[in-house]
Amino acid sequence: MKVDVLLGLQWGDEGKGKVVDVLTPSYDIISRFQGGPNAGHTLEFDGKKFVLHTIPSGIFQGDKANLIGNGVVLDPAIFKTEIDKLETAGHDLTGKLFISKKAHLILPTHRLLDAAYEQAKGKEKIGSTLKGIGPTYTDKISRTGVRVGDIDINFEAKYKAAVDRHKQILDTYNFDYSNLAELEKVWFEGLDTLKRFKFVDSEQMINSAIKEERKVLAEGAQGTMLDIDFGSYPFVTSSNTVAAGACTGLGIAPNKIGEVFGIFKAYCTRVGSGPFPTELFDEMGEELRQKGHEFGSTTGRARRCGWIDLVALKYAVMINGVTQLIMMKSDVLDQIETIKACVAYKIDGEETEAFPYSIEGEVEPIYAELPGWKTDMTKMTNEDEFPEEFNNYLAFLEEQLEVPIKIVSVGPDRDQTIIRYND
């Protein structure tokens, strides 16, 4: 038995939450392996909409175990808000949610540091969600972090030492932290909620499950092009969003990775700052934004929209070793006459299909054009109903990416999901 990995191949917001929810019935354990509450996984079913930031997306499917892995950074205040909303909606997570002792805690001062650092960058802002993610990972790497397991081991002293250290940094930035006591009140209330759930040695839990031949799905957050090593640095997140991150974020060996599900939109979006070669600044970009409801589930910020970028997508497929592709939001393109796909970049007068070291300079996308299908696909339930032009679009993408597109989403609801190539 191996662990299957599901992750985004673009700049995040690909629709991972919905797909995890659809795939969950086939698995025993759903696990998050990196990132924090800067992620927003949206799920819609039975006329209801839920947005998850820290909790794995498998919680709505029966009695599946859901694990927050060691690679995740966790804010108790945001965690409590999530739990409260879910319980109010009738979803009891008791006995279903487990938290790694090695996951790092986002402290209130981490959020203040995030704001101070971003403010100091001036016009060079990265576009942080200001959730304290970066400063928490910084403390992790500098070996000064506070972990979930510390809650039961000399926690007060460790918390105070971290806060005092953070205050010294905030003072050097002349940053006002007079609201710290207010933030701490909410944070410690969240800590009480956190204590209701079971803290586990998650690497032992996962590897025992593998030995017992239980099926595990590892759920990634953000997207490959936001990876700290392989993304469009420095406009990236603070963790490894690629498949290899599942190994370090859960404590599993590389030979225990099975299927790698790569999720992408039929077009492309990005939130915040950073290069985006296929970005559209015209009416088409606005049409994609409005029809695709492209506004951040975490920040509410309008997403930048553009045509699909196959140079970046091929790179993401390679880095992750993707075995199956999942295409989301195909219905957003339903009424477009001609659809474009970037197949190469022109940089300094030369064309390349290889993703370069940097895409911050003048990068001209080279497009292939395909006829649109001009058909409402939202009511379709089987691939036999797909129009010829849509099948041609799928065939073109599969030829370019050299990986089969196993699942196609034709709408936001879990029922608007069509599985191809049934085994």
Protein backbone atom coordinates (compact mmCIF):
# COMPACT_ATOMS: atom_id res chain seq x y z
CA MET A 1 0.00 0.00 0.00
CA LYS A 2 1.28 3.48 -0.89
CA VAL A 3 0.31 7.06 -0.12
CA ASP A 4 -1.37 8.93 -2.98
CA VAL A 5 -0.61 12.65 -3.25
CA LEU A 6 -2.97 15.33 -4.54
CA LEU A 7 -1.59 18.79 -5.26
CA GLY A 8 -2.00 21.93 -7.35
CA LEU A 9 0.10 22.49 -10.45
CA GLN A 10 -0.34 26.24 -10.90
CA TRP A 11 -0.30 29.22 -8.50
CA GLY A 12 -2.84 27.71 -6.12
CA ASP A 13 -6.65 27.98 -6.12
CA GLU A 14 -6.95 25.05 -8.53
CA GLY A 15 -9.87 23.41 -6.71
CA LYS A 16 -8.06 20.88 -4.53
CA GLY A 17 -10.70 20.88 -1.78
CA LYS A 18 -13.47 19.74 -4.09
CA VAL A 19 -11.37 16.93 -5.56
CA VAL A 20 -10.26 15.66 -2.14
CA ASP A 21 -13.93 15.57 -1.14
CA VAL A 22 -14.76 13.57 -4.28
CA LEU A 23 -11.87 11.11 -3.83
CA THR A 24 -12.20 10.66 -0.05
CA PRO A 25 -14.64 7.68 -0.17
CA SER A 26 -11.77 5.62 -1.63
CA TYR A 27 -9.41 6.40 1.28
CA ASP A 28 -9.14 5.71 5.00
CA ILE A 29 -6.99 8.69 6.02
CA ILE A 30 -6.84 12.21 4.53
CA SER A 31 -3.78 14.22 5.55
CA ARG A 32 -2.51 17.78 5.10
CA PHE A 33 1.28 17.88 4.73
CA GLN A 34 2.30 21.56 4.42
CA GLY A 35 1.13 25.14 4.49
CA GLY A 36 -1.18 26.83 6.94
CA PRO A 37 -4.31 28.99 7.07
CA ASN A 38 -3.12 30.94 4.02
CA ALA A 39 -4.70 28.04 2.11
CA GLY A 40 -8.42 28.09 1.36
CA HIS A 41 -10.00 24.88 0.11
CA THR A 42 -13.60 25.42 -0.99
CA LEU A 43 -16.16 22.60 -1.07
CA GLU A 44 -19.78 22.80 -2.26
CA PHE A 45 -22.45 20.14 -1.88
CA ASP A 46 -26.14 19.90 -1.00
CA GLY A 47 -26.48 23.62 -1.67
CA LYS A 48 -23.93 24.52 1.02
CA LYS A 49 -20.45 26.01 0.75
CA PHE A 50 -17.56 25.41 3.13
CA VAL A 51 -14.07 26.93 3.12
CA LEU A 52 -11.35 25.03 4.99
CA HIS A 53 -8.03 26.65 5.88
CA THR A 54 -6.24 24.14 8.08
CA ILE A 55 -8.50 21.12 8.43
CA PRO A 56 -8.17 18.41 5.74
CA SER A 57 -10.93 18.30 3.13
CA GLY A 58 -11.96 14.73 3.96
CA ILE A 59 -14.01 15.62 7.02
CA PHE A 60 -17.36 15.59 5.21
CA GLN A 61 -17.16 11.97 4.12
CA GLY A 62 -18.22 9.49 6.80
CA ASP A 63 -15.87 8.41 9.56
CA LYS A 64 -12.59 8.93 7.70
CA ALA A 65 -9.55 9.86 9.79
CA ASN A 66 -8.20 13.34 9.02
CA LEU A 67 -4.62 14.25 9.95
CA ILE A 68 -2.87 17.61 10.19
CA GLY A 69 0.74 16.61 9.49
CA ASN A 70 4.04 17.83 10.90
CA GLY A 71 4.73 20.02 7.85
CA VAL A 72 1.69 22.21 8.58
CA VAL A 73 1.80 25.44 10.60
CA LEU A 74 -1.32 25.93 12.70
CA ASP A 75 -2.99 29.02 14.17
CA PRO A 76 -5.26 28.01 17.09
CA ALA A 77 -7.42 31.14 16.67
CA ILE A 78 -8.23 30.35 13.03
CA PHE A 79 -8.54 26.66 13.88
CA LYS A 80 -11.21 27.47 16.48
CA THR A 81 -13.18 29.55 13.98
CA GLU A 82 -13.16 26.62 11.53
CA ILE A 83 -14.22 24.12 14.17
CA ASP A 84 -17.02 26.37 15.45
CA LYS A 85 -18.45 26.85 11.94
CA LEU A 86 -18.31 23.15 11.17
CA GLU A 87 -19.93 22.14 14.44
CA THR A 88 -22.66 24.76 14.00
CA ALA A 89 -23.37 23.19 10.60
CA GLY A 90 -23.68 19.78 12.25
CA HIS A 91 -20.24 18.32 11.50
CA ASP A 92 -18.70 16.83 14.64
CA LEU A 93 -14.96 16.21 14.23
CA THR A 94 -14.47 14.42 17.54
CA GLY A 95 -12.55 11.22 16.96
CA LYS A 96 -12.04 12.09 13.27
CA LEU A 97 -9.34 14.77 13.46
CA PHE A 98 -5.75 14.14 14.58
CA ILE A 99 -2.93 16.70 14.89
CA SER A 100 0.79 16.03 14.65
CA LYS A 101 2.79 16.90 17.75
CA LYS A 102 5.52 18.15 15.42
CA ALA A 103 3.32 20.73 13.64
CA HIS A 104 4.46 24.27 14.46
CA LEU A 105 2.18 26.83 16.08
CA ILE A 106 1.55 30.26 14.58
CA LEU A 107 1.74 32.67 17.51
CA PRO A 108 -0.01 36.06 17.61
CA THR A 109 3.39 37.74 17.32
CA HIS A 110 4.07 35.80 14.11
CA ARG A 111 1.15 37.62 12.52
CA LEU A 112 2.51 40.96 13.74
CA LEU A 113 5.95 40.12 12.36
CA ASP A 114 4.37 39.21 9.02
CA ALA A 115 2.74 42.63 8.83
CA ALA A 116 5.95 44.39 9.89
CA TYR A 117 8.06 42.60 7.27
CA GLU A 118 5.54 43.23 4.50
CA GLN A 119 5.23 46.91 5.44
CA ALA A 120 9.01 47.29 5.38
CA LYS A 121 9.18 45.94 1.82
CA GLY A 122 7.27 48.97 0.53
CA LYS A 123 6.62 48.61 -3.19
CA GLU A 124 8.42 45.24 -3.25
CA LYS A 125 5.67 43.47 -1.32
CA ILE A 126 5.41 39.70 -1.85
CA GLY A 127 1.64 39.71 -1.39
CA SER A 128 1.56 37.87 1.92
CA THR A 129 -1.83 36.88 3.35
CA LEU A 130 -0.50 38.25 6.68
CA LYS A 131 -1.43 35.03 8.49
CA GLY A 132 2.03 34.67 10.05
CA ILE A 133 3.03 31.75 7.83
CA GLY A 134 6.48 33.00 6.77
CA PRO A 135 7.66 34.04 10.25
CA THR A 136 6.49 30.69 11.67
CA TYR A 137 8.47 28.72 9.09
CA THR A 138 11.42 31.08 9.76
CA ASP A 139 11.33 30.13 13.45
CA LYS A 140 11.04 26.47 12.48
CA ILE A 141 14.19 26.63 10.36
CA SER A 142 16.07 28.71 12.94
CA ARG A 143 15.12 26.08 15.57
CA THR A 144 13.26 28.51 17.80
CA GLY A 145 9.69 27.45 16.96
CA VAL A 146 6.92 26.31 19.28
CA ARG A 147 5.28 23.01 18.35
CA VAL A 148 1.94 21.42 19.16
CA GLY A 149 3.72 18.85 21.34
CA ASP A 150 5.13 21.67 23.46
CA ILE A 151 1.63 22.41 24.74
CA ASP A 152 2.17 19.58 27.23
CA ILE A 153 5.86 20.29 27.94
CA ASN A 154 6.89 23.54 29.67
CA PHE A 155 4.64 25.51 27.33
CA GLU A 156 4.43 28.82 29.22
CA ALA A 157 8.19 29.29 29.28
CA LYS A 158 8.58 28.40 25.60
CA TYR A 159 5.73 30.69 24.59
CA LYS A 160 7.11 33.62 26.62
CA ALA A 161 10.63 33.17 25.22
CA ALA A 162 9.29 33.23 21.66
CA VAL A 163 7.10 36.29 22.25
CA ASP A 164 9.89 38.22 23.96
CA ARG A 165 12.19 37.48 21.03
CA HIS A 166 9.51 38.61 18.56
CA LYS A 167 8.90 41.84 20.48
CA GLN A 168 12.59 42.72 20.16
CA ILE A 169 12.34 42.32 16.38
CA LEU A 170 9.11 44.34 16.21
CA ASP A 171 10.82 47.12 18.17
CA THR A 172 13.59 47.33 15.56
CA TYR A 173 10.87 47.93 12.94
CA ASN A 174 9.12 50.48 15.20
CA PHE A 175 5.98 48.39 14.69
CA ASP A 176 3.03 49.00 17.00
CA TYR A 177 1.99 45.83 18.86
CA SER A 178 -0.29 47.42 21.41
CA ASN A 179 -3.07 45.07 20.28
CA LEU A 180 -1.09 41.97 21.28
CA ALA A 181 -3.12 41.30 24.44
CA GLU A 182 -6.32 41.32 22.37
CA LEU A 183 -4.81 38.90 19.84
CA GLU A 184 -3.56 36.65 22.64
CA LYS A 185 -7.00 36.41 24.23
CA VAL A 186 -8.50 34.96 21.04
CA TRP A 187 -5.41 32.80 20.47
CA PHE A 188 -5.55 31.13 23.90
CA GLU A 189 -9.27 30.48 23.46
CA GLY A 190 -8.29 28.70 20.27
CA LEU A 191 -5.65 26.76 22.15
CA ASP A 192 -8.37 25.39 24.44
CA THR A 193 -10.28 24.19 21.36
CA LEU A 194 -7.12 22.63 19.96
CA LYS A 195 -6.63 20.62 23.16
CA ARG A 196 -9.95 18.85 22.56
CA PHE A 197 -8.36 16.86 19.74
CA LYS A 198 -5.79 14.10 19.83
CA PHE A 199 -2.13 15.00 19.38
CA VAL A 200 -0.25 12.17 17.69
CA ASP A 201 3.15 11.12 16.40
CA SER A 202 1.88 11.50 12.86
CA GLU A 203 4.79 9.73 11.16
CA GLN A 204 4.03 6.65 13.27
CA MET A 205 0.32 6.93 12.50
CA ILE A 206 0.88 7.14 8.73
CA ASN A 207 3.45 4.37 8.51
CA SER A 208 1.37 2.06 10.69
CA ALA A 209 -1.58 2.71 8.37
CA ILE A 210 0.56 1.78 5.36
CA LYS A 211 1.59 -1.48 7.03
CA GLU A 212 -2.04 -2.22 7.81
CA GLU A 213 -2.84 -1.62 4.10
CA ARG A 214 -5.07 1.33 4.84
CA LYS A 215 -5.33 3.88 2.02
CA VAL A 216 -3.89 7.35 2.64
CA LEU A 217 -4.40 10.52 0.58
CA ALA A 218 -1.99 13.42 1.15
CA GLU A 219 -3.60 16.79 0.40
CA GLY A 220 -1.34 19.65 -0.67
CA ALA A 221 -2.02 23.36 -0.23
CA GLN A 222 -1.20 26.30 -2.54
CA GLY A 223 0.37 25.19 -5.84
CA THR A 224 3.62 24.01 -7.42
CA MET A 225 4.48 27.44 -8.83
CA LEU A 226 4.41 28.78 -5.26
CA ASP A 227 6.93 26.21 -3.99
CA ILE A 228 9.75 27.78 -1.97
CA ASP A 229 12.40 26.06 -4.15
CA PHE A 230 10.78 25.57 -7.55
CA GLY A 231 8.20 28.34 -7.75
CA SER A 232 8.48 31.91 -9.07
CA TYR A 233 10.80 32.98 -6.24
CA PRO A 234 10.64 35.26 -4.29
CA PHE A 235 6.90 35.52 -4.97
CA VAL A 236 6.23 32.14 -3.37
CA THR A 237 4.96 30.57 -0.16
CA SER A 238 7.20 29.35 2.67
CA SER A 239 6.92 25.58 2.25
CA ASN A 240 7.50 22.83 -0.29
CA THR A 241 4.20 22.47 -2.11
CA VAL A 242 5.48 19.73 -4.44
CA ALA A 243 5.03 15.96 -4.06
CA ALA A 244 8.36 15.63 -2.23
CA GLY A 245 6.85 17.82 0.50
CA ALA A 246 4.53 14.95 1.38
CA CYS A 247 7.58 12.91 2.43
CA THR A 248 8.96 15.57 4.77
CA GLY A 249 5.55 16.87 5.82
CA LEU A 250 4.23 13.47 6.89
CA GLY A 251 7.33 11.38 7.55
CA ILE A 252 7.00 8.86 4.74
CA ALA A 253 9.75 7.43 2.54
CA PRO A 254 9.86 8.34 -1.19
CA ASN A 255 9.21 4.71 -2.15
CA LYS A 256 5.89 4.91 -0.31
CA ILE A 257 4.46 7.49 -2.76
CA GLY A 258 1.91 5.98 -5.14
CA GLU A 259 -0.32 7.99 -7.49
CA VAL A 260 0.35 11.71 -7.85
CA PHE A 261 -2.82 13.59 -8.80
CA GLY A 262 -2.02 16.95 -10.39
CA ILE A 263 -4.84 19.52 -10.41
CA PHE A 264 -5.00 22.44 -12.81
CA LYS A 265 -7.58 24.90 -14.11
CA ALA A 266 -8.50 25.01 -17.79
CA TYR A 267 -7.07 28.53 -17.65
CA CYS A 268 -4.74 30.16 -15.11
CA THR A 269 -5.02 32.45 -12.09
CA ARG A 270 -2.75 34.05 -9.55
CA VAL A 271 -3.37 36.01 -6.32
CA GLY A 272 -1.07 38.79 -5.12
CA SER A 273 2.24 39.91 -6.57
CA GLY A 274 4.58 38.05 -8.86
CA PRO A 275 5.17 37.35 -12.56
CA PHE A 276 2.37 35.87 -14.63
CA PRO A 277 3.31 35.50 -18.35
CA THR A 278 -0.18 34.71 -19.66
CA GLU A 279 -2.08 37.29 -17.60
CA LEU A 280 -4.94 39.04 -19.41
CA PHE A 281 -5.64 42.70 -18.75
CA ASP A 282 -8.56 42.99 -21.16
CA GLU A 283 -12.25 42.07 -21.21
CA MET A 284 -11.38 38.38 -21.55
CA GLY A 285 -9.46 38.47 -18.28
CA GLU A 286 -12.43 40.10 -16.56
CA GLU A 287 -14.82 37.56 -18.11
CA LEU A 288 -12.77 34.69 -16.68
CA ARG A 289 -12.67 36.40 -13.29
CA GLN A 290 -16.41 36.98 -13.09
CA LYS A 291 -17.58 33.69 -14.56
CA GLY A 292 -15.01 31.72 -12.54
CA HIS A 293 -15.79 33.65 -9.32
CA GLU A 294 -12.07 34.27 -9.06
CA PHE A 295 -11.79 35.91 -5.68
CA GLY A 296 -9.54 34.48 -2.97
CA SER A 297 -11.29 32.19 -0.48
CA THR A 298 -8.79 33.28 2.21
CA THR A 299 -8.21 36.96 1.39
CA GLY A 300 -11.18 37.86 -0.82
CA ARG A 301 -8.72 39.50 -3.22
CA ALA A 302 -9.57 39.47 -6.92
CA ARG A 303 -7.47 36.85 -8.69
CA ARG A 304 -5.45 37.77 -11.76
CA CYS A 305 -6.60 35.67 -14.72
CA GLY A 306 -5.00 34.47 -17.94
CA TRP A 307 -4.76 31.68 -20.48
CA ILE A 308 -3.40 28.27 -19.53
CA ASP A 309 0.42 28.18 -19.40
CA LEU A 310 1.70 24.82 -20.67
CA VAL A 311 5.37 25.77 -20.21
CA ALA A 312 4.81 26.13 -16.46
CA LEU A 313 2.40 23.19 -16.39
CA LYS A 314 4.88 20.80 -18.05
CA TYR A 315 7.48 21.91 -15.51
CA ALA A 316 5.08 21.21 -12.64
CA VAL A 317 4.22 17.77 -14.05
CA MET A 318 7.93 16.96 -14.25
CA ILE A 319 8.82 18.19 -10.74
CA ASN A 320 5.96 16.26 -9.15
CA GLY A 321 6.08 13.07 -11.20
CA VAL A 322 2.35 13.47 -11.90
CA THR A 323 0.62 10.23 -12.88
CA GLN A 324 -2.94 11.53 -13.34
CA LEU A 325 -4.27 14.97 -14.22
CA ILE A 326 -7.47 16.60 -13.01
CA MET A 327 -8.84 19.61 -14.91
CA MET A 328 -11.02 22.08 -13.04
CA LYS A 329 -13.35 24.90 -14.12
CA SER A 330 -13.67 23.79 -17.72
CA ASP A 331 -17.20 25.25 -17.66
CA VAL A 332 -15.76 28.76 -17.29
CA LEU A 333 -14.60 28.49 -20.93
CA ASP A 334 -17.99 27.24 -22.17
CA GLN A 335 -18.93 30.32 -24.22
CA ILE A 336 -15.52 31.42 -25.49
CA GLU A 337 -15.10 31.46 -29.27
CA THR A 338 -11.34 30.81 -29.44
CA ILE A 339 -9.26 29.39 -26.59
CA LYS A 340 -5.55 30.07 -26.30
CA ALA A 341 -2.84 27.94 -24.69
CA CYS A 342 0.74 29.11 -24.12
CA VAL A 343 3.09 26.49 -25.61
CA ALA A 344 6.40 28.42 -25.43
CA TYR A 345 8.02 31.61 -24.13
CA LYS A 346 10.00 34.16 -26.14
CA ILE A 347 12.78 35.55 -23.96
CA ASP A 348 15.38 37.94 -25.36
CA GLY A 349 14.23 37.08 -28.87
CA GLU A 350 14.58 33.31 -28.44
CA GLU A 351 11.77 30.79 -28.07
CA THR A 352 11.93 28.16 -25.36
CA GLU A 353 9.61 25.45 -24.06
CA ALA A 354 11.71 25.02 -20.91
CA PHE A 355 10.66 26.87 -17.77
CA PRO A 356 13.49 29.35 -17.03
CA TYR A 357 15.30 30.33 -13.83
CA SER A 358 13.23 33.50 -13.67
CA ILE A 359 10.09 34.80 -15.39
CA GLU A 360 10.29 38.28 -13.86
CA GLY A 361 11.63 39.99 -17.00
CA GLU A 362 10.10 40.38 -20.46
CA VAL A 363 8.52 37.02 -21.21
CA GLU A 364 6.31 36.85 -24.30
CA PRO A 365 3.92 33.89 -24.37
CA ILE A 366 3.64 32.01 -27.67
CA TYR A 367 0.09 30.74 -28.11
CA ALA A 368 -1.64 27.89 -29.87
CA GLU A 369 -5.30 28.62 -30.66
CA LEU A 370 -8.13 26.11 -30.44
CA PRO A 371 -11.83 26.48 -31.29
CA GLY A 372 -14.11 26.74 -28.26
CA TRP A 373 -17.03 24.37 -27.71
CA LYS A 374 -19.70 27.06 -27.13
CA THR A 375 -21.78 24.61 -25.08
CA ASP A 376 -23.14 24.68 -21.52
CA MET A 377 -21.40 21.71 -19.90
CA THR A 378 -22.61 22.23 -16.33
CA LYS A 379 -25.44 19.68 -16.65
CA MET A 380 -23.31 16.96 -18.24
CA THR A 381 -22.78 13.77 -16.24
CA ASN A 382 -20.77 11.60 -18.64
CA GLU A 383 -17.86 12.14 -21.01
CA ASP A 384 -19.98 10.76 -23.83
CA GLU A 385 -21.83 14.09 -23.73
CA PHE A 386 -18.69 16.16 -24.33
CA PRO A 387 -18.74 18.20 -27.56
CA GLU A 388 -16.08 17.42 -30.17
CA GLU A 389 -14.24 20.69 -29.61
CA PHE A 390 -13.91 19.97 -25.89
CA ASN A 391 -12.59 16.47 -26.57
CA ASN A 392 -10.08 18.06 -28.94
CA TYR A 393 -8.99 20.46 -26.18
CA LEU A 394 -8.47 17.52 -23.80
CA ALA A 395 -6.53 15.58 -26.44
CA PHE A 396 -4.32 18.61 -27.13
CA LEU A 397 -3.51 19.02 -23.42
CA GLU A 398 -2.80 15.31 -22.97
CA GLU A 399 -0.45 15.35 -25.95
CA GLN A 400 1.38 18.37 -24.58
CA LEU A 401 1.59 17.16 -20.99
CA GLU A 402 2.03 13.43 -21.73
CA VAL A 403 -0.21 12.48 -18.79
CA PRO A 404 -3.88 11.39 -18.94
CA ILE A 405 -6.60 13.75 -17.71
CA LYS A 406 -8.51 11.39 -15.43
CA ILE A 407 -11.12 13.77 -13.99
CA VAL A 408 -12.90 16.81 -15.45
CA SER A 409 -14.88 19.28 -13.35
CA VAL A 410 -17.82 21.02 -15.03
CA GLY A 411 -19.06 23.03 -12.04
CA PRO A 412 -18.41 23.76 -8.34
CA ASP A 413 -20.64 21.07 -6.83
CA ARG A 414 -19.17 17.65 -5.98
CA ASP A 415 -21.73 16.09 -8.36
CA GLN A 416 -20.38 18.15 -11.27
CA THR A 417 -17.35 15.89 -11.55
CA ILE A 418 -16.83 13.51 -14.47
CA ILE A 419 -14.37 10.64 -14.22
CA ARG A 420 -12.75 9.49 -17.46
CA TYR A 421 -10.74 6.31 -18.09
CA ASN A 422 -12.65 4.24 -15.55
CA ASP A 423 -10.45 1.31 -14.48
